N, C-alpha and C. Protein backbone atom coordinates (compact mmCIF):
# COMPACT_ATOMS: atom_id res chain seq x y z
N MET A 1 -34.50 -15.77 -9.22
CA MET A 1 -33.27 -16.06 -8.46
C MET A 1 -32.23 -14.89 -8.56
N ALA A 2 -31.85 -14.48 -7.36
CA ALA A 2 -30.83 -13.37 -7.43
C ALA A 2 -29.41 -13.86 -7.84
N THR A 3 -28.81 -13.04 -8.46
CA THR A 3 -27.48 -13.34 -9.04
C THR A 3 -26.38 -12.80 -7.94
N ALA A 4 -25.42 -13.58 -7.49
CA ALA A 4 -24.53 -13.23 -6.49
C ALA A 4 -23.50 -12.16 -7.10
N THR A 5 -23.23 -10.99 -6.44
CA THR A 5 -22.31 -10.20 -6.86
C THR A 5 -20.85 -10.73 -6.48
N PRO A 6 -19.86 -10.65 -7.55
CA PRO A 6 -18.62 -11.25 -7.26
C PRO A 6 -17.94 -10.25 -6.23
N ALA A 7 -17.13 -10.94 -5.36
CA ALA A 7 -16.47 -10.20 -4.18
C ALA A 7 -15.45 -9.20 -4.95
N ARG A 8 -15.46 -8.13 -4.51
CA ARG A 8 -14.47 -7.08 -4.94
C ARG A 8 -13.10 -7.35 -4.47
N LYS A 9 -12.09 -7.20 -5.23
CA LYS A 9 -10.77 -7.51 -4.78
C LYS A 9 -10.30 -6.27 -4.02
N PRO A 10 -9.64 -6.51 -2.82
CA PRO A 10 -9.26 -5.49 -1.93
C PRO A 10 -8.21 -4.59 -2.64
N LEU A 11 -8.37 -3.33 -2.39
CA LEU A 11 -7.55 -2.29 -3.07
C LEU A 11 -6.09 -2.60 -2.28
N SER A 12 -4.96 -2.57 -3.10
CA SER A 12 -3.62 -2.80 -2.56
C SER A 12 -2.52 -2.17 -3.36
N PRO A 13 -1.55 -1.53 -3.01
CA PRO A 13 -0.31 -1.27 -3.77
C PRO A 13 0.59 -2.39 -4.04
N CYS A 14 0.44 -3.48 -3.36
CA CYS A 14 1.42 -4.54 -3.15
C CYS A 14 1.75 -5.18 -4.53
N GLU A 15 2.99 -5.23 -4.87
CA GLU A 15 3.61 -5.81 -5.96
C GLU A 15 4.24 -7.16 -5.90
N ARG A 16 4.14 -7.67 -4.55
CA ARG A 16 4.70 -8.84 -4.24
C ARG A 16 6.09 -8.95 -4.41
N ARG A 17 6.79 -7.87 -4.05
CA ARG A 17 8.24 -7.90 -4.20
C ARG A 17 8.74 -7.11 -3.00
N CYS A 18 8.44 -7.26 -1.84
CA CYS A 18 8.66 -6.55 -0.64
C CYS A 18 10.19 -6.50 -0.36
N ALA A 19 10.54 -5.32 -0.04
CA ALA A 19 12.01 -4.95 0.21
C ALA A 19 11.97 -3.82 1.05
N LEU A 20 12.32 -3.98 2.51
CA LEU A 20 12.31 -2.89 3.29
C LEU A 20 13.56 -1.92 3.06
N ASP A 21 13.37 -0.73 3.47
CA ASP A 21 14.47 0.30 3.35
C ASP A 21 15.31 0.14 4.38
N ALA A 22 16.61 0.72 4.41
CA ALA A 22 17.80 0.56 5.21
C ALA A 22 17.37 0.58 6.75
N GLU A 23 16.19 1.44 6.95
CA GLU A 23 15.80 1.74 8.33
C GLU A 23 14.63 0.64 8.69
N LYS A 24 14.51 -0.15 7.82
CA LYS A 24 13.32 -1.20 8.05
C LYS A 24 12.05 -0.69 8.60
N THR A 25 11.65 0.52 7.92
CA THR A 25 10.47 1.13 8.37
C THR A 25 9.47 1.20 7.15
N ARG A 26 9.77 0.98 5.82
CA ARG A 26 9.04 1.16 4.63
C ARG A 26 9.49 0.28 3.49
N CYS A 27 8.50 -0.22 2.89
CA CYS A 27 8.79 -1.18 1.59
C CYS A 27 9.26 -0.08 0.54
N ILE A 28 10.38 -0.45 -0.01
CA ILE A 28 10.74 0.37 -1.20
C ILE A 28 10.06 0.18 -2.44
N THR A 29 9.31 -0.93 -2.58
CA THR A 29 8.47 -1.22 -3.67
C THR A 29 7.17 -0.76 -3.68
N CYS A 30 6.39 -0.93 -2.59
CA CYS A 30 4.92 -0.38 -2.45
C CYS A 30 4.79 1.07 -1.71
N LEU A 31 5.98 1.32 -1.01
CA LEU A 31 6.08 2.47 -0.29
C LEU A 31 5.10 2.61 1.11
N ARG A 32 4.64 1.49 1.50
CA ARG A 32 3.74 1.42 2.74
C ARG A 32 4.78 1.21 3.83
N THR A 33 4.38 1.76 4.97
CA THR A 33 5.23 1.53 6.04
C THR A 33 4.96 0.00 6.56
N ARG A 34 5.97 -0.34 7.52
CA ARG A 34 5.69 -1.63 8.02
C ARG A 34 4.49 -1.78 8.85
N ASP A 35 4.20 -0.65 9.56
CA ASP A 35 2.75 -0.72 10.22
C ASP A 35 1.55 -0.83 9.34
N GLU A 36 1.73 -0.12 8.16
CA GLU A 36 0.60 -0.03 7.20
C GLU A 36 0.45 -1.46 6.62
N ILE A 37 1.56 -2.15 6.35
CA ILE A 37 1.58 -3.46 5.73
C ILE A 37 0.83 -4.51 6.63
N VAL A 38 1.32 -4.41 7.99
CA VAL A 38 0.84 -5.35 8.96
C VAL A 38 -0.64 -5.27 9.09
N ALA A 39 -1.13 -3.96 9.07
CA ALA A 39 -2.56 -3.72 9.38
C ALA A 39 -3.52 -3.68 8.03
N TRP A 40 -2.95 -3.73 6.91
CA TRP A 40 -3.74 -3.68 5.82
C TRP A 40 -4.79 -4.70 5.74
N GLY A 41 -4.79 -5.87 6.12
CA GLY A 41 -5.88 -6.83 6.00
C GLY A 41 -7.02 -6.60 7.02
N ARG A 42 -6.80 -5.61 8.05
CA ARG A 42 -7.73 -5.29 8.93
C ARG A 42 -8.24 -3.94 8.64
N MET A 43 -7.85 -3.21 7.64
CA MET A 43 -8.19 -1.90 7.36
C MET A 43 -9.47 -1.82 6.43
N SER A 44 -10.18 -0.88 6.64
CA SER A 44 -11.53 -0.54 5.87
C SER A 44 -11.00 -0.06 4.52
N ASP A 45 -11.94 -0.09 3.50
CA ASP A 45 -11.51 0.37 2.08
C ASP A 45 -11.16 1.90 2.28
N PRO A 46 -11.90 2.77 3.07
CA PRO A 46 -11.55 4.03 3.14
C PRO A 46 -10.26 4.30 3.80
N GLU A 47 -9.82 3.44 4.86
CA GLU A 47 -8.55 3.60 5.40
C GLU A 47 -7.33 3.21 4.34
N ARG A 48 -7.66 2.13 3.46
CA ARG A 48 -6.64 1.77 2.50
C ARG A 48 -6.45 2.90 1.35
N GLN A 49 -7.76 3.62 1.09
CA GLN A 49 -7.73 4.65 0.17
C GLN A 49 -6.91 5.90 0.60
N GLU A 50 -7.08 6.04 1.94
CA GLU A 50 -6.21 7.19 2.49
C GLU A 50 -4.69 6.95 2.24
N ILE A 51 -4.24 5.55 2.60
CA ILE A 51 -2.88 5.39 2.29
C ILE A 51 -2.49 5.33 0.73
N MET A 52 -3.52 4.87 0.01
CA MET A 52 -3.12 4.90 -1.38
C MET A 52 -2.96 6.40 -2.04
N ASP A 53 -3.70 7.24 -1.38
CA ASP A 53 -3.69 8.64 -1.86
C ASP A 53 -2.36 9.47 -1.46
N LYS A 54 -1.69 8.71 -0.45
CA LYS A 54 -0.35 9.34 -0.07
C LYS A 54 0.75 8.69 -0.93
N LEU A 55 0.63 7.71 -1.53
CA LEU A 55 1.72 7.03 -2.26
C LEU A 55 2.35 7.82 -3.30
N PRO A 56 1.61 8.59 -4.12
CA PRO A 56 2.24 9.47 -5.10
C PRO A 56 3.26 10.40 -4.48
N ALA A 57 2.95 11.08 -3.41
CA ALA A 57 3.86 11.92 -2.79
C ALA A 57 5.13 11.18 -2.21
N ARG A 58 4.79 9.93 -1.71
CA ARG A 58 6.03 9.18 -1.24
C ARG A 58 6.82 8.82 -2.24
N ARG A 59 6.27 8.43 -3.40
CA ARG A 59 7.10 7.97 -4.72
C ARG A 59 7.92 9.26 -4.97
N ALA A 60 7.31 10.37 -5.15
CA ALA A 60 8.24 11.51 -5.50
C ALA A 60 9.24 11.96 -4.60
N ALA A 61 9.01 11.80 -3.34
CA ALA A 61 10.05 12.04 -2.31
C ALA A 61 11.15 11.01 -2.43
N GLN A 62 10.74 9.78 -2.69
CA GLN A 62 11.87 8.79 -2.91
C GLN A 62 12.56 8.96 -4.07
N GLU A 63 11.90 9.25 -5.30
CA GLU A 63 12.81 9.63 -6.44
C GLU A 63 13.69 10.75 -6.15
N GLU A 64 13.29 11.81 -5.62
CA GLU A 64 13.94 13.13 -5.21
C GLU A 64 15.13 12.70 -4.42
N HIS A 65 15.02 11.88 -3.36
CA HIS A 65 16.03 11.30 -2.37
C HIS A 65 17.07 10.61 -3.28
N THR A 66 16.67 9.79 -4.27
CA THR A 66 17.70 8.81 -4.94
C THR A 66 18.32 9.54 -6.21
N SER A 67 17.77 10.62 -6.59
CA SER A 67 18.46 11.31 -7.70
C SER A 67 19.65 12.06 -7.49
């Protein structure tokens, strides 16, 4: 009998503390854009990873802007 492989949890930067920036275009917690947040559930893992790869630069830019 084959053993079922447990479902993999989707990759996500969500911290369950959504707070949009003043322009209402990006979450200041996870740094995804509104469009990215809305589309997240329909994205493939490679599409999600592409966004995840952009987040460190977004974080650095945010920190530079608030310093």
